[in-house]
Amino acid sequence: MPKQNSRAVQLAGLGLAGVGVSHFVRPQLFESITVSAFPRDTRQHIYINGGIETAIGLGLAAPKTRRLAILGTVGYLAYLAGNVARNR
């Protein structure tokens, strides 16, 4: 992978990790987004999603764990999409 692409993925991972941490700092920002996938215990799921996004972001930022983090991202998106579809 070219160094420029690697740097971009690293920055994107750190950005995602920052968004994940913000779920804990300002959870109310994520309520309107999260409620469609998790109408019950929404706040708890905001924290769970924040933890997952932080872990995936840090995984993307580190070259050694990037492939695993990409697989985790696919699983996480499927998990979210399934919950949105189920709760419509």
N, C-alpha and C. Protein backbone atom coordinates (compact mmCIF):
# COMPACT_ATOMS: atom_id res chain seq x y z
N MET A 1 0.85 -1.17 0.00
CA MET A 1 0.00 0.00 0.00
C MET A 1 0.89 1.23 0.00
N PRO A 2 0.65 2.18 -0.90
CA PRO A 2 1.46 3.40 -0.91
C PRO A 2 1.37 4.14 0.41
N LYS A 3 2.45 4.82 0.75
CA LYS A 3 2.53 5.51 2.04
C LYS A 3 1.43 6.55 2.20
N GLN A 4 1.07 7.25 1.11
CA GLN A 4 0.03 8.28 1.19
C GLN A 4 -1.32 7.65 1.56
N ASN A 5 -1.68 6.53 0.93
CA ASN A 5 -2.93 5.85 1.27
C ASN A 5 -2.91 5.36 2.71
N SER A 6 -1.77 4.84 3.14
CA SER A 6 -1.64 4.36 4.50
C SER A 6 -1.86 5.49 5.50
N ARG A 7 -1.32 6.64 5.20
CA ARG A 7 -1.48 7.80 6.08
C ARG A 7 -2.94 8.25 6.12
N ALA A 8 -3.61 8.22 4.98
CA ALA A 8 -5.02 8.61 4.92
C ALA A 8 -5.88 7.65 5.74
N VAL A 9 -5.60 6.36 5.63
CA VAL A 9 -6.36 5.37 6.41
C VAL A 9 -6.08 5.56 7.89
N GLN A 10 -4.84 5.84 8.23
CA GLN A 10 -4.49 6.07 9.63
C GLN A 10 -5.25 7.28 10.18
N LEU A 11 -5.30 8.35 9.43
CA LEU A 11 -6.03 9.54 9.88
C LEU A 11 -7.53 9.28 9.97
N ALA A 12 -8.06 8.54 9.01
CA ALA A 12 -9.49 8.19 9.06
C ALA A 12 -9.78 7.33 10.29
N GLY A 13 -8.89 6.41 10.58
CA GLY A 13 -9.06 5.58 11.78
C GLY A 13 -9.05 6.40 13.05
N LEU A 14 -8.12 7.32 13.14
CA LEU A 14 -8.07 8.18 14.32
C LEU A 14 -9.30 9.07 14.42
N GLY A 15 -9.79 9.52 13.26
CA GLY A 15 -11.03 10.31 13.26
C GLY A 15 -12.21 9.49 13.76
N LEU A 16 -12.31 8.25 13.29
CA LEU A 16 -13.39 7.36 13.74
C LEU A 16 -13.27 7.09 15.23
N ALA A 17 -12.06 6.88 15.71
CA ALA A 17 -11.86 6.68 17.14
C ALA A 17 -12.30 7.92 17.93
N GLY A 18 -12.03 9.09 17.39
CA GLY A 18 -12.48 10.33 18.04
C GLY A 18 -13.99 10.43 18.11
N VAL A 19 -14.65 10.04 17.02
CA VAL A 19 -16.11 10.02 17.02
C VAL A 19 -16.62 9.01 18.05
N GLY A 20 -15.95 7.87 18.12
CA GLY A 20 -16.34 6.86 19.11
C GLY A 20 -16.25 7.39 20.52
N VAL A 21 -15.17 8.06 20.84
CA VAL A 21 -15.00 8.64 22.18
C VAL A 21 -16.06 9.71 22.44
N SER A 22 -16.43 10.45 21.41
CA SER A 22 -17.43 11.50 21.61
C SER A 22 -18.80 10.94 21.99
N HIS A 23 -19.06 9.66 21.72
CA HIS A 23 -20.29 9.02 22.16
C HIS A 23 -20.39 9.05 23.69
N PHE A 24 -19.25 9.00 24.36
CA PHE A 24 -19.22 9.01 25.82
C PHE A 24 -19.25 10.44 26.37
N VAL A 25 -18.67 11.35 25.64
CA VAL A 25 -18.58 12.74 26.10
C VAL A 25 -19.89 13.49 25.88
N ARG A 26 -20.49 13.29 24.71
CA ARG A 26 -21.74 13.98 24.37
C ARG A 26 -22.75 12.99 23.77
N PRO A 27 -23.24 12.04 24.55
CA PRO A 27 -24.12 11.00 24.01
C PRO A 27 -25.41 11.55 23.39
N GLN A 28 -25.86 12.70 23.86
CA GLN A 28 -27.10 13.27 23.33
C GLN A 28 -26.98 13.60 21.84
N LEU A 29 -25.77 13.83 21.35
CA LEU A 29 -25.58 14.11 19.92
C LEU A 29 -25.95 12.91 19.04
N PHE A 30 -25.94 11.72 19.61
CA PHE A 30 -26.15 10.51 18.83
C PHE A 30 -27.53 9.88 19.04
N GLU A 31 -28.35 10.48 19.90
CA GLU A 31 -29.66 9.90 20.19
C GLU A 31 -30.56 9.82 18.96
N SER A 32 -30.64 10.88 18.18
CA SER A 32 -31.56 10.87 17.04
C SER A 32 -31.12 9.86 15.97
N ILE A 33 -29.84 9.60 15.87
CA ILE A 33 -29.33 8.63 14.90
C ILE A 33 -29.53 7.21 15.42
N THR A 34 -29.28 7.00 16.69
CA THR A 34 -29.27 5.66 17.28
C THR A 34 -30.66 5.11 17.53
N VAL A 35 -31.62 5.96 17.79
CA VAL A 35 -32.95 5.50 18.17
C VAL A 35 -33.62 4.66 17.08
N SER A 36 -33.32 4.91 15.81
CA SER A 36 -33.96 4.12 14.74
C SER A 36 -33.46 2.68 14.74
N ALA A 37 -32.24 2.45 15.15
CA ALA A 37 -31.71 1.10 15.21
C ALA A 37 -31.97 0.45 16.56
N PHE A 38 -32.02 1.28 17.61
CA PHE A 38 -32.16 0.76 18.97
C PHE A 38 -33.17 1.61 19.75
N PRO A 39 -34.47 1.39 19.50
CA PRO A 39 -35.48 2.22 20.16
C PRO A 39 -35.58 1.99 21.68
N ARG A 40 -35.16 0.84 22.15
CA ARG A 40 -35.15 0.57 23.60
C ARG A 40 -33.71 0.65 24.09
N ASP A 41 -33.53 1.18 25.26
CA ASP A 41 -32.20 1.33 25.85
C ASP A 41 -31.24 2.07 24.92
N THR A 42 -31.74 3.12 24.31
CA THR A 42 -30.96 3.86 23.31
C THR A 42 -29.64 4.35 23.89
N ARG A 43 -29.65 4.90 25.07
CA ARG A 43 -28.41 5.45 25.66
C ARG A 43 -27.37 4.35 25.84
N GLN A 44 -27.80 3.18 26.29
CA GLN A 44 -26.86 2.06 26.45
C GLN A 44 -26.22 1.71 25.10
N HIS A 45 -27.01 1.70 24.05
CA HIS A 45 -26.49 1.38 22.73
C HIS A 45 -25.59 2.48 22.18
N ILE A 46 -25.83 3.71 22.58
CA ILE A 46 -24.92 4.79 22.19
C ILE A 46 -23.53 4.50 22.75
N TYR A 47 -23.48 4.08 23.99
CA TYR A 47 -22.19 3.77 24.61
C TYR A 47 -21.54 2.54 23.96
N ILE A 48 -22.35 1.52 23.69
CA ILE A 48 -21.82 0.32 23.02
C ILE A 48 -21.26 0.69 21.65
N ASN A 49 -22.03 1.46 20.88
CA ASN A 49 -21.56 1.88 19.55
C ASN A 49 -20.29 2.72 19.67
N GLY A 50 -20.23 3.57 20.66
CA GLY A 50 -19.02 4.37 20.86
C GLY A 50 -17.80 3.51 21.13
N GLY A 51 -17.97 2.48 21.93
CA GLY A 51 -16.86 1.56 22.20
C GLY A 51 -16.42 0.81 20.95
N ILE A 52 -17.41 0.36 20.18
CA ILE A 52 -17.10 -0.36 18.94
C ILE A 52 -16.39 0.56 17.95
N GLU A 53 -16.90 1.75 17.78
CA GLU A 53 -16.29 2.70 16.84
C GLU A 53 -14.88 3.11 17.28
N THR A 54 -14.67 3.25 18.56
CA THR A 54 -13.33 3.57 19.06
C THR A 54 -12.37 2.43 18.75
N ALA A 55 -12.80 1.21 19.03
CA ALA A 55 -11.94 0.05 18.77
C ALA A 55 -11.64 -0.12 17.28
N ILE A 56 -12.66 0.02 16.44
CA ILE A 56 -12.45 -0.11 15.00
C ILE A 56 -11.52 1.00 14.50
N GLY A 57 -11.74 2.21 14.96
CA GLY A 57 -10.90 3.33 14.54
C GLY A 57 -9.44 3.13 14.92
N LEU A 58 -9.20 2.69 16.15
CA LEU A 58 -7.81 2.43 16.56
C LEU A 58 -7.22 1.27 15.77
N GLY A 59 -8.05 0.27 15.47
CA GLY A 59 -7.59 -0.85 14.65
C GLY A 59 -7.20 -0.41 13.25
N LEU A 60 -7.97 0.49 12.68
CA LEU A 60 -7.65 1.01 11.34
C LEU A 60 -6.37 1.85 11.36
N ALA A 61 -6.14 2.54 12.45
CA ALA A 61 -4.98 3.43 12.54
C ALA A 61 -3.67 2.66 12.60
N ALA A 62 -3.70 1.45 13.11
CA ALA A 62 -2.47 0.65 13.24
C ALA A 62 -2.36 -0.33 12.07
N PRO A 63 -1.32 -0.24 11.29
CA PRO A 63 -1.17 -1.12 10.13
C PRO A 63 -1.28 -2.61 10.46
N LYS A 64 -0.79 -3.04 11.60
CA LYS A 64 -0.82 -4.46 11.96
C LYS A 64 -2.23 -4.98 12.20
N THR A 65 -3.16 -4.12 12.58
CA THR A 65 -4.52 -4.57 12.88
C THR A 65 -5.55 -4.08 11.85
N ARG A 66 -5.08 -3.46 10.81
CA ARG A 66 -5.98 -2.83 9.83
C ARG A 66 -6.92 -3.83 9.16
N ARG A 67 -6.41 -4.97 8.72
CA ARG A 67 -7.27 -5.96 8.05
C ARG A 67 -8.36 -6.47 8.97
N LEU A 68 -8.01 -6.75 10.20
CA LEU A 68 -9.00 -7.19 11.18
C LEU A 68 -10.04 -6.10 11.42
N ALA A 69 -9.59 -4.86 11.50
CA ALA A 69 -10.50 -3.73 11.71
C ALA A 69 -11.45 -3.56 10.53
N ILE A 70 -10.97 -3.82 9.31
CA ILE A 70 -11.84 -3.74 8.14
C ILE A 70 -12.92 -4.81 8.22
N LEU A 71 -12.54 -6.01 8.62
CA LEU A 71 -13.55 -7.08 8.81
C LEU A 71 -14.54 -6.68 9.91
N GLY A 72 -14.03 -6.09 10.98
CA GLY A 72 -14.90 -5.63 12.05
C GLY A 72 -15.86 -4.56 11.58
N THR A 73 -15.41 -3.70 10.69
CA THR A 73 -16.26 -2.65 10.14
C THR A 73 -17.41 -3.25 9.34
N VAL A 74 -17.11 -4.24 8.53
CA VAL A 74 -18.15 -4.91 7.74
C VAL A 74 -19.19 -5.54 8.66
N GLY A 75 -18.72 -6.24 9.68
CA GLY A 75 -19.64 -6.85 10.64
C GLY A 75 -20.47 -5.82 11.39
N TYR A 76 -19.84 -4.73 11.79
CA TYR A 76 -20.53 -3.67 12.52
C TYR A 76 -21.61 -3.02 11.66
N LEU A 77 -21.30 -2.75 10.41
CA LEU A 77 -22.30 -2.15 9.51
C LEU A 77 -23.46 -3.10 9.28
N ALA A 78 -23.19 -4.39 9.15
CA ALA A 78 -24.26 -5.37 9.00
C ALA A 78 -25.14 -5.41 10.26
N TYR A 79 -24.51 -5.35 11.40
CA TYR A 79 -25.21 -5.33 12.69
C TYR A 79 -26.13 -4.10 12.79
N LEU A 80 -25.62 -2.94 12.43
CA LEU A 80 -26.44 -1.73 12.47
C LEU A 80 -27.58 -1.79 11.46
N ALA A 81 -27.29 -2.19 10.22
CA ALA A 81 -28.32 -2.27 9.19
C ALA A 81 -29.41 -3.27 9.57
N GLY A 82 -29.01 -4.38 10.14
CA GLY A 82 -30.00 -5.37 10.58
C GLY A 82 -30.92 -4.82 11.65
N ASN A 83 -30.37 -4.07 12.58
CA ASN A 83 -31.19 -3.49 13.64
C ASN A 83 -32.11 -2.40 13.12
N VAL A 84 -31.66 -1.60 12.18
CA VAL A 84 -32.52 -0.58 11.58
C VAL A 84 -33.68 -1.26 10.86
N ALA A 85 -33.38 -2.28 10.05
CA ALA A 85 -34.43 -3.00 9.31
C ALA A 85 -35.41 -3.67 10.24
N ARG A 86 -34.93 -4.26 11.29
CA ARG A 86 -35.79 -4.98 12.25
C ARG A 86 -36.71 -4.03 13.01
N ASN A 87 -36.28 -2.81 13.24
CA ASN A 87 -37.06 -1.87 14.04
C ASN A 87 -37.87 -0.87 13.24
N ARG A 88 -38.02 -1.10 11.96
CA ARG A 88 -38.86 -0.21 11.13
C ARG A 88 -40.30 -0.53 11.31
